[in-house]
Amino acid sequence: MKTEETQLKFSDLGISASILAVLKKMGLEEPTPIQRKTIPVAITGQDLIGVAQTGTGKTFAFGIPMLQRIGSTKGHGLVIAPTRELALQVEESLKKLGQSLGLRTASLIGGESLDRQLFQLRKKPHIVVATPGRLIDHLKRHTYKLEQVNILVLDEADMMLDMGFAPQIQEIMKQMPLKRQTMLFSATMPVAIVKIAAAYMKLPISIEVAPPGTTVDQIDQEIFIIR
């Protein structure tokens, strides 16, 4: 039996009419649990932590609010993902959603021509999806500037730390503008992730979506204190 909450549609989440029209064309009407919990919070500009497994619809959970806020504030978004494959998947999803809204995307990933990426950057993308190492390369070359970013997403954060990207993430976060929205998504919440949240996020709302067959979904506001 569906509860009142699980019957919510995208049109109940505060999403703009233009994005709703794109979602309808894509045949999407009912949000996944992580989308249902995350979108109304993220649209307000609040920092948040989303704990959910891969394949639960996280890309649109942060992508829809990001595109909506960028469209209204003329800001820029940055998504950092652990692997080139995931980064390309995320960029493709955001491109499908954003292109009819006039919003451009670009990917900065390893194993790909720098010239091609510079060509993309010259088009002044509204959203960049990057892997940590290649993003650092562009920052050192001064071909991409973090000062323009007002919405940051760390996707699959626990995987990034498992792959040894903690130093790069720290370096990137230290260069980020203070005035920004930060969204962090992770399948688990190890201590290292909690420390990142405590150091670089502002009173994030914590949203947890349990895998099917386990405990109920939770949404809490937490203050992270590391001693």
N, C-alpha and C. Protein backbone atom coordinates (compact mmCIF):
# COMPACT_ATOMS: atom_id res chain seq x y z
N MET A 1 0.84 -1.20 0.00
CA MET A 1 0.00 0.00 0.00
C MET A 1 0.87 1.25 0.00
N LYS A 2 0.54 2.21 -0.84
CA LYS A 2 1.33 3.44 -0.92
C LYS A 2 0.90 4.42 0.17
N THR A 3 1.88 5.05 0.79
CA THR A 3 1.58 6.10 1.75
C THR A 3 1.38 7.40 0.99
N GLU A 4 0.91 8.42 1.72
CA GLU A 4 0.71 9.73 1.09
C GLU A 4 2.02 10.25 0.51
N GLU A 5 3.12 9.99 1.23
CA GLU A 5 4.42 10.49 0.77
C GLU A 5 4.87 9.80 -0.51
N THR A 6 4.69 8.47 -0.58
CA THR A 6 5.16 7.75 -1.76
C THR A 6 4.31 8.05 -2.98
N GLN A 7 3.16 8.67 -2.80
CA GLN A 7 2.31 9.03 -3.93
C GLN A 7 2.69 10.39 -4.52
N LEU A 8 3.64 11.08 -3.89
CA LEU A 8 4.06 12.39 -4.38
C LEU A 8 4.63 12.28 -5.79
N LYS A 9 4.30 13.26 -6.61
CA LYS A 9 4.85 13.33 -7.96
C LYS A 9 5.87 14.46 -8.02
N PHE A 10 6.61 14.54 -9.12
CA PHE A 10 7.57 15.63 -9.28
C PHE A 10 6.89 16.99 -9.13
N SER A 11 5.64 17.08 -9.57
CA SER A 11 4.92 18.35 -9.52
C SER A 11 4.60 18.80 -8.09
N ASP A 12 4.79 17.90 -7.11
CA ASP A 12 4.53 18.24 -5.71
C ASP A 12 5.79 18.71 -4.97
N LEU A 13 6.92 18.78 -5.67
CA LEU A 13 8.20 18.99 -4.98
C LEU A 13 8.78 20.39 -5.13
N GLY A 14 8.01 21.32 -5.73
CA GLY A 14 8.52 22.68 -5.89
C GLY A 14 9.37 22.89 -7.12
N ILE A 15 9.28 21.96 -8.06
CA ILE A 15 10.07 22.04 -9.29
C ILE A 15 9.40 23.00 -10.27
N SER A 16 10.21 23.77 -10.99
CA SER A 16 9.68 24.76 -11.92
C SER A 16 8.93 24.10 -13.08
N ALA A 17 8.02 24.86 -13.67
CA ALA A 17 7.21 24.34 -14.78
C ALA A 17 8.07 23.91 -15.96
N SER A 18 9.14 24.66 -16.23
CA SER A 18 9.99 24.33 -17.39
C SER A 18 10.69 22.98 -17.20
N ILE A 19 11.15 22.71 -15.99
CA ILE A 19 11.80 21.42 -15.73
C ILE A 19 10.78 20.30 -15.68
N LEU A 20 9.61 20.57 -15.13
CA LEU A 20 8.54 19.56 -15.13
C LEU A 20 8.18 19.15 -16.55
N ALA A 21 8.18 20.11 -17.46
CA ALA A 21 7.86 19.81 -18.86
C ALA A 21 8.91 18.88 -19.46
N VAL A 22 10.18 19.12 -19.13
CA VAL A 22 11.25 18.25 -19.63
C VAL A 22 11.12 16.85 -19.04
N LEU A 23 10.84 16.76 -17.75
CA LEU A 23 10.67 15.46 -17.10
C LEU A 23 9.51 14.69 -17.73
N LYS A 24 8.44 15.40 -18.04
CA LYS A 24 7.28 14.75 -18.66
C LYS A 24 7.64 14.18 -20.02
N LYS A 25 8.42 14.95 -20.80
CA LYS A 25 8.86 14.47 -22.12
C LYS A 25 9.73 13.22 -21.98
N MET A 26 10.44 13.13 -20.87
CA MET A 26 11.30 11.97 -20.62
C MET A 26 10.51 10.81 -20.04
N GLY A 27 9.21 11.02 -19.81
CA GLY A 27 8.36 9.96 -19.27
C GLY A 27 8.50 9.76 -17.77
N LEU A 28 8.99 10.80 -17.08
CA LEU A 28 9.19 10.70 -15.63
C LEU A 28 8.14 11.52 -14.89
N GLU A 29 7.42 10.88 -14.00
CA GLU A 29 6.40 11.58 -13.21
C GLU A 29 6.56 11.35 -11.72
N GLU A 30 6.93 10.12 -11.34
CA GLU A 30 7.06 9.79 -9.92
C GLU A 30 8.53 9.76 -9.51
N PRO A 31 8.90 10.53 -8.51
CA PRO A 31 10.29 10.55 -8.05
C PRO A 31 10.65 9.29 -7.26
N THR A 32 11.93 8.97 -7.26
CA THR A 32 12.42 7.89 -6.40
C THR A 32 12.50 8.42 -4.97
N PRO A 33 12.66 7.53 -3.98
CA PRO A 33 12.72 8.00 -2.58
C PRO A 33 13.78 9.08 -2.33
N ILE A 34 14.98 8.92 -2.88
CA ILE A 34 16.02 9.93 -2.64
C ILE A 34 15.67 11.24 -3.32
N GLN A 35 15.03 11.18 -4.47
CA GLN A 35 14.59 12.41 -5.15
C GLN A 35 13.48 13.09 -4.36
N ARG A 36 12.56 12.30 -3.85
CA ARG A 36 11.42 12.83 -3.09
C ARG A 36 11.90 13.56 -1.83
N LYS A 37 12.92 13.00 -1.18
CA LYS A 37 13.42 13.59 0.06
C LYS A 37 14.34 14.79 -0.19
N THR A 38 15.14 14.68 -1.25
CA THR A 38 16.22 15.64 -1.47
C THR A 38 15.78 16.91 -2.19
N ILE A 39 14.99 16.77 -3.24
CA ILE A 39 14.69 17.92 -4.11
C ILE A 39 14.09 19.11 -3.36
N PRO A 40 13.06 18.93 -2.51
CA PRO A 40 12.50 20.11 -1.83
C PRO A 40 13.51 20.84 -0.95
N VAL A 41 14.43 20.09 -0.34
CA VAL A 41 15.46 20.70 0.51
C VAL A 41 16.49 21.42 -0.35
N ALA A 42 16.97 20.74 -1.39
CA ALA A 42 18.05 21.29 -2.22
C ALA A 42 17.62 22.54 -2.97
N ILE A 43 16.36 22.61 -3.35
CA ILE A 43 15.87 23.77 -4.09
C ILE A 43 15.99 25.05 -3.25
N THR A 44 15.96 24.92 -1.93
CA THR A 44 16.05 26.10 -1.06
C THR A 44 17.49 26.61 -0.93
N GLY A 45 18.46 25.83 -1.40
CA GLY A 45 19.86 26.24 -1.28
C GLY A 45 20.55 25.71 -0.04
N GLN A 46 19.85 24.87 0.72
CA GLN A 46 20.41 24.31 1.95
C GLN A 46 21.49 23.27 1.63
N ASP A 47 22.56 23.26 2.42
CA ASP A 47 23.54 22.18 2.33
C ASP A 47 22.89 20.87 2.75
N LEU A 48 23.28 19.77 2.12
CA LEU A 48 22.68 18.50 2.51
C LEU A 48 23.63 17.34 2.25
N ILE A 49 23.39 16.27 3.01
CA ILE A 49 24.10 15.01 2.83
C ILE A 49 23.06 13.96 2.49
N GLY A 50 23.23 13.30 1.37
CA GLY A 50 22.32 12.24 0.96
C GLY A 50 23.01 10.90 1.05
N VAL A 51 22.47 10.02 1.88
CA VAL A 51 23.04 8.68 2.03
C VAL A 51 22.13 7.71 1.29
N ALA A 52 22.61 7.21 0.17
CA ALA A 52 21.81 6.31 -0.66
C ALA A 52 22.73 5.49 -1.55
N GLN A 53 22.26 4.33 -1.93
CA GLN A 53 23.05 3.44 -2.77
C GLN A 53 23.09 3.94 -4.21
N THR A 54 24.06 3.44 -4.97
CA THR A 54 24.14 3.72 -6.40
C THR A 54 22.89 3.16 -7.08
N GLY A 55 22.39 3.87 -8.08
CA GLY A 55 21.23 3.39 -8.83
C GLY A 55 19.90 3.77 -8.21
N THR A 56 19.90 4.73 -7.28
CA THR A 56 18.65 5.14 -6.62
C THR A 56 18.10 6.45 -7.19
N GLY A 57 18.74 6.97 -8.23
CA GLY A 57 18.26 8.22 -8.82
C GLY A 57 18.92 9.46 -8.25
N LYS A 58 20.15 9.31 -7.74
CA LYS A 58 20.82 10.44 -7.10
C LYS A 58 21.13 11.58 -8.06
N THR A 59 21.43 11.23 -9.32
CA THR A 59 21.82 12.29 -10.26
C THR A 59 20.73 13.33 -10.43
N PHE A 60 19.49 12.91 -10.60
CA PHE A 60 18.39 13.87 -10.71
C PHE A 60 18.04 14.46 -9.35
N ALA A 61 18.36 13.74 -8.26
CA ALA A 61 18.10 14.28 -6.92
C ALA A 61 18.87 15.57 -6.69
N PHE A 62 20.11 15.62 -7.17
CA PHE A 62 20.86 16.88 -7.08
C PHE A 62 20.79 17.69 -8.37
N GLY A 63 20.61 17.00 -9.50
CA GLY A 63 20.62 17.69 -10.79
C GLY A 63 19.44 18.61 -11.02
N ILE A 64 18.26 18.17 -10.62
CA ILE A 64 17.06 19.00 -10.81
C ILE A 64 17.17 20.31 -10.01
N PRO A 65 17.47 20.25 -8.69
CA PRO A 65 17.63 21.51 -7.95
C PRO A 65 18.77 22.37 -8.48
N MET A 66 19.87 21.73 -8.87
CA MET A 66 21.01 22.48 -9.39
C MET A 66 20.62 23.25 -10.64
N LEU A 67 19.98 22.59 -11.59
CA LEU A 67 19.56 23.26 -12.82
C LEU A 67 18.55 24.36 -12.54
N GLN A 68 17.62 24.10 -11.62
CA GLN A 68 16.60 25.11 -11.31
C GLN A 68 17.24 26.34 -10.67
N ARG A 69 18.15 26.14 -9.74
CA ARG A 69 18.78 27.27 -9.06
C ARG A 69 19.71 28.04 -9.99
N ILE A 70 20.43 27.32 -10.85
CA ILE A 70 21.31 27.99 -11.80
C ILE A 70 20.49 28.81 -12.79
N GLY A 71 19.36 28.26 -13.21
CA GLY A 71 18.49 28.98 -14.14
C GLY A 71 17.96 30.27 -13.55
N SER A 72 17.76 30.31 -12.23
CA SER A 72 17.17 31.50 -11.61
C SER A 72 18.22 32.46 -11.05
N THR A 73 19.42 31.94 -10.72
CA THR A 73 20.45 32.79 -10.10
C THR A 73 21.60 33.12 -11.04
N LYS A 74 21.62 32.50 -12.22
CA LYS A 74 22.72 32.69 -13.19
C LYS A 74 24.05 32.22 -12.60
N GLY A 75 23.99 31.23 -11.73
CA GLY A 75 25.20 30.71 -11.11
C GLY A 75 25.84 29.61 -11.93
N HIS A 76 26.79 28.91 -11.28
CA HIS A 76 27.49 27.80 -11.92
C HIS A 76 27.54 26.61 -10.97
N GLY A 77 27.48 25.42 -11.54
CA GLY A 77 27.53 24.20 -10.74
C GLY A 77 28.76 23.37 -11.05
N LEU A 78 29.25 22.66 -10.04
CA LEU A 78 30.37 21.74 -10.21
C LEU A 78 30.01 20.42 -9.53
N VAL A 79 30.13 19.34 -10.28
CA VAL A 79 29.91 18.00 -9.73
C VAL A 79 31.25 17.26 -9.79
N ILE A 80 31.69 16.73 -8.66
CA ILE A 80 32.92 15.95 -8.62
C ILE A 80 32.56 14.48 -8.40
N ALA A 81 33.02 13.62 -9.29
CA ALA A 81 32.72 12.19 -9.25
C ALA A 81 34.02 11.39 -9.26
N PRO A 82 34.02 10.18 -8.70
CA PRO A 82 35.28 9.45 -8.53
C PRO A 82 35.89 8.88 -9.80
N THR A 83 35.07 8.48 -10.77
CA THR A 83 35.60 7.82 -11.97
C THR A 83 35.13 8.54 -13.23
N ARG A 84 35.89 8.35 -14.31
CA ARG A 84 35.52 8.98 -15.57
C ARG A 84 34.19 8.42 -16.08
N GLU A 85 33.96 7.11 -15.85
CA GLU A 85 32.70 6.50 -16.31
C GLU A 85 31.50 7.13 -15.61
N LEU A 86 31.60 7.29 -14.30
CA LEU A 86 30.50 7.90 -13.55
C LEU A 86 30.33 9.37 -13.95
N ALA A 87 31.44 10.07 -14.11
CA ALA A 87 31.37 11.48 -14.50
C ALA A 87 30.66 11.64 -15.85
N LEU A 88 30.96 10.76 -16.79
CA LEU A 88 30.32 10.84 -18.11
C LEU A 88 28.83 10.53 -18.01
N GLN A 89 28.47 9.55 -17.17
CA GLN A 89 27.05 9.23 -16.97
C GLN A 89 26.30 10.42 -16.38
N VAL A 90 26.91 11.04 -15.37
CA VAL A 90 26.27 12.19 -14.71
C VAL A 90 26.12 13.33 -15.71
N GLU A 91 27.18 13.61 -16.46
CA GLU A 91 27.10 14.72 -17.42
C GLU A 91 26.04 14.47 -18.48
N GLU A 92 25.94 13.23 -18.95
CA GLU A 92 24.94 12.90 -19.98
C GLU A 92 23.53 13.11 -19.44
N SER A 93 23.28 12.70 -18.19
CA SER A 93 21.96 12.89 -17.58
C SER A 93 21.63 14.37 -17.42
N LEU A 94 22.61 15.16 -16.95
CA LEU A 94 22.38 16.59 -16.76
C LEU A 94 22.21 17.30 -18.10
N LYS A 95 22.92 16.83 -19.12
CA LYS A 95 22.79 17.42 -20.46
C LYS A 95 21.38 17.21 -21.00
N LYS A 96 20.85 15.99 -20.83
CA LYS A 96 19.49 15.69 -21.30
C LYS A 96 18.47 16.61 -20.63
N LEU A 97 18.67 16.85 -19.36
CA LEU A 97 17.73 17.68 -18.61
C LEU A 97 17.93 19.16 -18.88
N GLY A 98 19.18 19.57 -19.08
CA GLY A 98 19.48 20.99 -19.16
C GLY A 98 19.46 21.61 -20.54
N GLN A 99 19.67 20.80 -21.59
CA GLN A 99 19.84 21.41 -22.92
C GLN A 99 18.59 22.13 -23.40
N SER A 100 17.41 21.59 -23.08
CA SER A 100 16.18 22.27 -23.51
C SER A 100 15.90 23.52 -22.67
N LEU A 101 16.65 23.69 -21.57
CA LEU A 101 16.52 24.88 -20.73
C LEU A 101 17.58 25.92 -21.10
N GLY A 102 18.41 25.58 -22.10
CA GLY A 102 19.46 26.49 -22.51
C GLY A 102 20.68 26.46 -21.62
N LEU A 103 20.83 25.38 -20.84
CA LEU A 103 21.96 25.25 -19.92
C LEU A 103 22.97 24.25 -20.48
N ARG A 104 24.24 24.65 -20.49
CA ARG A 104 25.29 23.83 -21.08
C ARG A 104 26.09 23.09 -20.01
N THR A 105 26.58 21.90 -20.38
CA THR A 105 27.40 21.10 -19.47
C THR A 105 28.74 20.79 -20.14
N ALA A 106 29.72 20.40 -19.31
CA ALA A 106 31.02 19.97 -19.82
C ALA A 106 31.59 18.95 -18.84
N SER A 107 32.44 18.06 -19.34
CA SER A 107 33.09 17.08 -18.47
C SER A 107 34.60 17.27 -18.53
N LEU A 108 35.23 17.18 -17.36
CA LEU A 108 36.68 17.28 -17.24
C LEU A 108 37.16 15.99 -16.60
N ILE A 109 37.62 15.05 -17.42
CA ILE A 109 37.99 13.73 -16.92
C ILE A 109 39.36 13.32 -17.44
N GLY A 110 40.00 12.41 -16.71
CA GLY A 110 41.29 11.90 -17.13
C GLY A 110 41.15 10.99 -18.35
N GLY A 111 42.28 10.80 -19.05
CA GLY A 111 42.27 9.93 -20.21
C GLY A 111 41.63 10.55 -21.43
N GLU A 112 41.45 11.85 -21.41
CA GLU A 112 40.80 12.54 -22.51
C GLU A 112 41.62 13.78 -22.87
N SER A 113 41.54 14.19 -24.12
CA SER A 113 42.33 15.32 -24.61
C SER A 113 42.04 16.61 -23.84
N LEU A 114 43.10 17.26 -23.39
CA LEU A 114 42.94 18.57 -22.74
C LEU A 114 42.39 19.60 -23.72
N ASP A 115 42.80 19.50 -24.97
CA ASP A 115 42.33 20.46 -25.99
C ASP A 115 40.82 20.39 -26.13
N ARG A 116 40.27 19.18 -26.12
CA ARG A 116 38.82 19.02 -26.22
C ARG A 116 38.13 19.67 -25.01
N GLN A 117 38.72 19.49 -23.83
CA GLN A 117 38.13 20.06 -22.62
C GLN A 117 38.24 21.58 -22.62
N LEU A 118 39.34 22.11 -23.13
CA LEU A 118 39.48 23.56 -23.22
C LEU A 118 38.45 24.14 -24.19
N PHE A 119 38.17 23.40 -25.25
CA PHE A 119 37.14 23.82 -26.21
C PHE A 119 35.78 23.89 -25.53
N GLN A 120 35.48 22.88 -24.69
CA GLN A 120 34.22 22.88 -23.95
C GLN A 120 34.15 24.06 -22.98
N LEU A 121 35.26 24.32 -22.30
CA LEU A 121 35.28 25.41 -21.31
C LEU A 121 35.11 26.77 -21.96
N ARG A 122 35.60 26.91 -23.18
CA ARG A 122 35.44 28.19 -23.89
C ARG A 122 33.98 28.48 -24.21
N LYS A 123 33.15 27.46 -24.21
CA LYS A 123 31.71 27.64 -24.44
C LYS A 123 30.98 28.11 -23.18
N LYS A 124 31.74 28.27 -22.09
CA LYS A 124 31.21 28.76 -20.81
C LYS A 124 30.04 27.89 -20.31
N PRO A 125 30.33 26.64 -19.96
CA PRO A 125 29.28 25.75 -19.46
C PRO A 125 28.72 26.23 -18.12
N HIS A 126 27.44 25.95 -17.91
CA HIS A 126 26.81 26.30 -16.63
C HIS A 126 27.14 25.26 -15.56
N ILE A 127 27.36 24.01 -15.99
CA ILE A 127 27.69 22.93 -15.06
C ILE A 127 28.89 22.15 -15.59
N VAL A 128 29.86 21.91 -14.73
CA VAL A 128 31.01 21.09 -15.06
C VAL A 128 30.98 19.84 -14.19
N VAL A 129 31.19 18.69 -14.81
CA VAL A 129 31.32 17.42 -14.08
C VAL A 129 32.76 16.96 -14.24
N ALA A 130 33.44 16.71 -13.12
CA ALA A 130 34.88 16.45 -13.18
C ALA A 130 35.30 15.33 -12.25
N THR A 131 36.40 14.68 -12.62
CA THR A 131 37.08 13.79 -11.69
C THR A 131 38.13 14.61 -10.93
N PRO A 132 38.46 14.21 -9.71
CA PRO A 132 39.33 15.05 -8.87
C PRO A 132 40.68 15.38 -9.50
N GLY A 133 41.36 14.36 -10.05
CA GLY A 133 42.69 14.59 -10.61
C GLY A 133 42.70 15.55 -11.77
N ARG A 134 41.78 15.37 -12.71
CA ARG A 134 41.76 16.25 -13.88
C ARG A 134 41.32 17.66 -13.49
N LEU A 135 40.42 17.77 -12.51
CA LEU A 135 40.02 19.10 -12.04
C LEU A 135 41.22 19.85 -11.47
N ILE A 136 42.04 19.15 -10.68
CA ILE A 136 43.26 19.76 -10.13
C ILE A 136 44.17 20.23 -11.27
N ASP A 137 44.29 19.41 -12.32
CA ASP A 137 45.10 19.80 -13.48
C ASP A 137 44.65 21.15 -14.04
N HIS A 138 43.34 21.29 -14.22
CA HIS A 138 42.80 22.53 -14.79
C HIS A 138 42.98 23.71 -13.83
N LEU A 139 42.86 23.45 -12.53
CA LEU A 139 43.06 24.53 -11.56
C LEU A 139 44.51 25.02 -11.60
N LYS A 140 45.45 24.09 -11.71
CA LYS A 140 46.86 24.47 -11.77
C LYS A 140 47.20 25.22 -13.06
N ARG A 141 46.50 24.87 -14.14
CA ARG A 141 46.72 25.54 -15.42
C ARG A 141 45.94 26.85 -15.53
N HIS A 142 45.09 27.11 -14.52
CA HIS A 142 44.23 28.30 -14.51
C HIS A 142 43.25 28.31 -15.69
N THR A 143 42.89 27.11 -16.15
CA THR A 143 41.92 27.00 -17.25
C THR A 143 40.50 26.81 -16.73
N TYR A 144 40.36 26.60 -15.42
CA TYR A 144 39.04 26.55 -14.79
C TYR A 144 39.17 27.20 -13.43
N LYS A 145 38.21 28.04 -13.09
CA LYS A 145 38.26 28.78 -11.83
C LYS A 145 37.09 28.40 -10.94
N LEU A 146 37.40 28.09 -9.69
CA LEU A 146 36.36 27.70 -8.74
C LEU A 146 35.56 28.89 -8.23
N GLU A 147 36.08 30.10 -8.40
CA GLU A 147 35.41 31.28 -7.84
C GLU A 147 34.01 31.49 -8.42
N GLN A 148 33.74 30.91 -9.59
CA GLN A 148 32.44 31.08 -10.22
C GLN A 148 31.39 30.08 -9.70
N VAL A 149 31.84 29.07 -8.95
CA VAL A 149 30.94 27.99 -8.53
C VAL A 149 30.12 28.40 -7.31
N ASN A 150 28.81 28.28 -7.41
CA ASN A 150 27.98 28.52 -6.22
C ASN A 150 27.17 27.30 -5.80
N ILE A 151 27.26 26.21 -6.58
CA ILE A 151 26.64 24.94 -6.19
C ILE A 151 27.65 23.83 -6.43
N LEU A 152 28.01 23.12 -5.38
CA LEU A 152 28.98 22.03 -5.46
C LEU A 152 28.34 20.72 -5.05
N VAL A 153 28.60 19.67 -5.82
CA VAL A 153 28.14 18.33 -5.48
C VAL A 153 29.35 17.39 -5.41
N LEU A 154 29.47 16.68 -4.30
CA LEU A 154 30.44 15.60 -4.18
C LEU A 154 29.66 14.30 -4.31
N ASP A 155 29.81 13.62 -5.43
CA ASP A 155 29.03 12.41 -5.70
C ASP A 155 29.86 11.17 -5.40
N GLU A 156 29.22 10.17 -4.77
CA GLU A 156 29.92 8.94 -4.38
C GLU A 156 31.18 9.29 -3.57
N ALA A 157 30.97 10.10 -2.54
CA ALA A 157 32.09 10.62 -1.75
C ALA A 157 32.90 9.51 -1.09
N ASP A 158 32.24 8.47 -0.59
CA ASP A 158 32.98 7.39 0.06
C ASP A 158 33.88 6.66 -0.94
N MET A 159 33.41 6.50 -2.18
CA MET A 159 34.23 5.87 -3.20
C MET A 159 35.46 6.72 -3.52
N MET A 160 35.27 8.05 -3.55
CA MET A 160 36.41 8.93 -3.82
C MET A 160 37.49 8.77 -2.76
N LEU A 161 37.07 8.66 -1.50
CA LEU A 161 38.05 8.49 -0.43
C LEU A 161 38.70 7.11 -0.50
N ASP A 162 37.91 6.08 -0.82
CA ASP A 162 38.45 4.73 -0.96
C ASP A 162 39.50 4.66 -2.07
N MET A 163 39.34 5.50 -3.09
CA MET A 163 40.27 5.51 -4.22
C MET A 163 41.49 6.40 -3.96
N GLY A 164 41.55 6.99 -2.76
CA GLY A 164 42.73 7.77 -2.39
C GLY A 164 42.69 9.23 -2.80
N PHE A 165 41.49 9.76 -3.06
CA PHE A 165 41.37 11.14 -3.53
C PHE A 165 41.22 12.16 -2.40
N ALA A 166 41.39 11.73 -1.15
CA ALA A 166 41.20 12.67 -0.03
C ALA A 166 42.06 13.93 -0.16
N PRO A 167 43.36 13.83 -0.51
CA PRO A 167 44.17 15.06 -0.63
C PRO A 167 43.64 16.01 -1.70
N GLN A 168 43.21 15.44 -2.83
CA GLN A 168 42.67 16.29 -3.90
C GLN A 168 41.38 16.97 -3.47
N ILE A 169 40.51 16.23 -2.77
CA ILE A 169 39.25 16.81 -2.31
C ILE A 169 39.53 17.94 -1.33
N GLN A 170 40.47 17.72 -0.42
CA GLN A 170 40.84 18.77 0.54
C GLN A 170 41.35 20.01 -0.19
N GLU A 171 42.21 19.80 -1.19
CA GLU A 171 42.77 20.93 -1.94
C GLU A 171 41.68 21.71 -2.66
N ILE A 172 40.75 20.97 -3.27
CA ILE A 172 39.64 21.62 -4.00
C ILE A 172 38.75 22.39 -3.03
N MET A 173 38.40 21.77 -1.91
CA MET A 173 37.48 22.40 -0.96
C MET A 173 38.07 23.69 -0.38
N LYS A 174 39.38 23.71 -0.18
CA LYS A 174 40.02 24.90 0.37
C LYS A 174 39.97 26.08 -0.59
N GLN A 175 39.82 25.79 -1.88
CA GLN A 175 39.78 26.85 -2.89
C GLN A 175 38.36 27.28 -3.26
N MET A 176 37.37 26.57 -2.73
CA MET A 176 35.99 26.88 -3.08
C MET A 176 35.53 28.19 -2.44
N PRO A 177 34.65 28.93 -3.10
CA PRO A 177 34.08 30.13 -2.49
C PRO A 177 33.32 29.77 -1.21
N LEU A 178 33.36 30.64 -0.23
CA LEU A 178 32.64 30.37 1.02
C LEU A 178 31.14 30.42 0.80
N LYS A 179 30.70 31.31 -0.09
CA LYS A 179 29.27 31.45 -0.34
C LYS A 179 28.86 30.47 -1.43
N ARG A 180 28.36 29.32 -1.01
CA ARG A 180 27.98 28.27 -1.96
C ARG A 180 27.04 27.29 -1.27
N GLN A 181 26.37 26.50 -2.07
CA GLN A 181 25.61 25.36 -1.57
C GLN A 181 26.44 24.11 -1.83
N THR A 182 26.55 23.25 -0.83
CA THR A 182 27.29 22.00 -0.98
C THR A 182 26.36 20.82 -0.73
N MET A 183 26.35 19.89 -1.67
CA MET A 183 25.59 18.65 -1.52
C MET A 183 26.56 17.48 -1.62
N LEU A 184 26.50 16.59 -0.66
CA LEU A 184 27.39 15.43 -0.62
C LEU A 184 26.54 14.17 -0.65
N PHE A 185 26.89 13.27 -1.55
CA PHE A 185 26.16 12.00 -1.65
C PHE A 185 27.13 10.85 -1.45
N SER A 186 26.70 9.87 -0.66
CA SER A 186 27.57 8.76 -0.31
C SER A 186 26.72 7.54 0.02
N ALA A 187 27.25 6.35 -0.28
CA ALA A 187 26.52 5.13 0.07
C ALA A 187 26.68 4.81 1.56
N THR A 188 27.79 5.27 2.14
CA THR A 188 28.06 5.04 3.56
C THR A 188 28.54 6.35 4.19
N MET A 189 28.62 6.36 5.52
CA MET A 189 29.06 7.57 6.22
C MET A 189 30.23 7.25 7.16
N PRO A 190 31.39 6.93 6.60
CA PRO A 190 32.56 6.71 7.47
C PRO A 190 33.00 8.02 8.12
N VAL A 191 33.88 7.90 9.10
CA VAL A 191 34.34 9.07 9.85
C VAL A 191 34.95 10.12 8.93
N ALA A 192 35.67 9.68 7.91
CA ALA A 192 36.31 10.64 7.00
C ALA A 192 35.29 11.53 6.30
N ILE A 193 34.13 10.97 5.97
CA ILE A 193 33.07 11.76 5.33
C ILE A 193 32.48 12.75 6.33
N VAL A 194 32.29 12.29 7.56
CA VAL A 194 31.76 13.17 8.62
C VAL A 194 32.71 14.35 8.83
N LYS A 195 34.01 14.10 8.76
CA LYS A 195 35.00 15.18 8.93
C LYS A 195 34.91 16.20 7.80
N ILE A 196 34.71 15.72 6.58
CA ILE A 196 34.55 16.63 5.44
C ILE A 196 33.32 17.51 5.65
N ALA A 197 32.23 16.87 6.08
CA ALA A 197 30.99 17.62 6.32
C ALA A 197 31.19 18.68 7.40
N ALA A 198 31.89 18.29 8.46
CA ALA A 198 32.11 19.23 9.57
C ALA A 198 32.98 20.41 9.14
N ALA A 199 33.95 20.14 8.28
CA ALA A 199 34.91 21.17 7.90
C ALA A 199 34.39 22.11 6.81
N TYR A 200 33.56 21.58 5.91
CA TYR A 200 33.26 22.35 4.70
C TYR A 200 31.77 22.56 4.42
N MET A 201 30.89 22.11 5.30
CA MET A 201 29.46 22.28 5.05
C MET A 201 28.81 23.08 6.17
N LYS A 202 27.72 23.76 5.84
CA LYS A 202 27.03 24.63 6.80
C LYS A 202 25.74 23.96 7.27
N LEU A 203 25.76 23.42 8.49
CA LEU A 203 24.58 22.80 9.09
C LEU A 203 23.79 21.97 8.07
N PRO A 204 24.42 20.95 7.50
CA PRO A 204 23.74 20.19 6.45
C PRO A 204 22.56 19.37 6.96
N ILE A 205 21.52 19.34 6.16
CA ILE A 205 20.42 18.42 6.40
C ILE A 205 20.89 17.03 5.98
N SER A 206 20.67 16.03 6.81
CA SER A 206 21.07 14.66 6.50
C SER A 206 19.85 13.86 6.06
N ILE A 207 19.93 13.31 4.87
CA ILE A 207 18.82 12.54 4.29
C ILE A 207 19.31 11.13 4.02
N GLU A 208 18.67 10.16 4.62
CA GLU A 208 19.09 8.77 4.44
C GLU A 208 17.97 7.96 3.83
N VAL A 209 18.27 7.29 2.75
CA VAL A 209 17.30 6.42 2.09
C VAL A 209 17.82 5.00 2.19
N ALA A 210 17.10 4.18 2.94
CA ALA A 210 17.56 2.81 3.16
C ALA A 210 17.29 1.95 1.93
N PRO A 211 18.15 0.94 1.71
CA PRO A 211 17.88 -0.01 0.63
C PRO A 211 16.56 -0.73 0.87
N PRO A 212 15.90 -1.24 -0.18
CA PRO A 212 14.63 -1.95 -0.02
C PRO A 212 14.76 -3.09 0.98
N GLY A 213 13.73 -3.22 1.84
CA GLY A 213 13.71 -4.32 2.79
C GLY A 213 14.42 -4.03 4.10
N THR A 214 14.95 -2.79 4.25
CA THR A 214 15.62 -2.45 5.51
C THR A 214 14.82 -1.38 6.22
N THR A 215 15.47 -0.66 7.13
CA THR A 215 14.75 0.32 7.95
C THR A 215 14.20 1.46 7.11
N VAL A 216 13.28 2.20 7.69
CA VAL A 216 12.60 3.26 6.96
C VAL A 216 13.54 4.40 6.64
N ASP A 217 13.15 5.19 5.63
CA ASP A 217 13.92 6.37 5.25
C ASP A 217 13.92 7.37 6.40
N GLN A 218 14.99 8.13 6.49
CA GLN A 218 15.10 9.12 7.56
C GLN A 218 15.51 10.46 6.99
N ILE A 219 15.08 11.52 7.65
CA ILE A 219 15.58 12.86 7.32
C ILE A 219 15.80 13.60 8.63
N ASP A 220 17.00 14.09 8.82
CA ASP A 220 17.37 14.75 10.06
C ASP A 220 18.21 15.98 9.76
N GLN A 221 18.21 16.90 10.73
CA GLN A 221 19.18 17.99 10.67
C GLN A 221 20.23 17.69 11.73
N GLU A 222 21.49 17.71 11.29
CA GLU A 222 22.55 17.34 12.20
C GLU A 222 23.63 18.41 12.22
N ILE A 223 24.25 18.58 13.39
CA ILE A 223 25.44 19.42 13.50
C ILE A 223 26.60 18.47 13.77
N PHE A 224 27.60 18.49 12.89
CA PHE A 224 28.73 17.58 13.03
C PHE A 224 29.82 18.25 13.85
N ILE A 225 30.19 17.61 14.94
CA ILE A 225 31.24 18.13 15.82
C ILE A 225 32.35 17.08 15.90
N ILE A 226 33.54 17.46 15.46
CA ILE A 226 34.68 16.54 15.50
C ILE A 226 35.64 17.01 16.58
N ARG A 227 35.99 16.13 17.47
CA ARG A 227 36.91 16.48 18.56
C ARG A 227 38.26 15.76 18.33
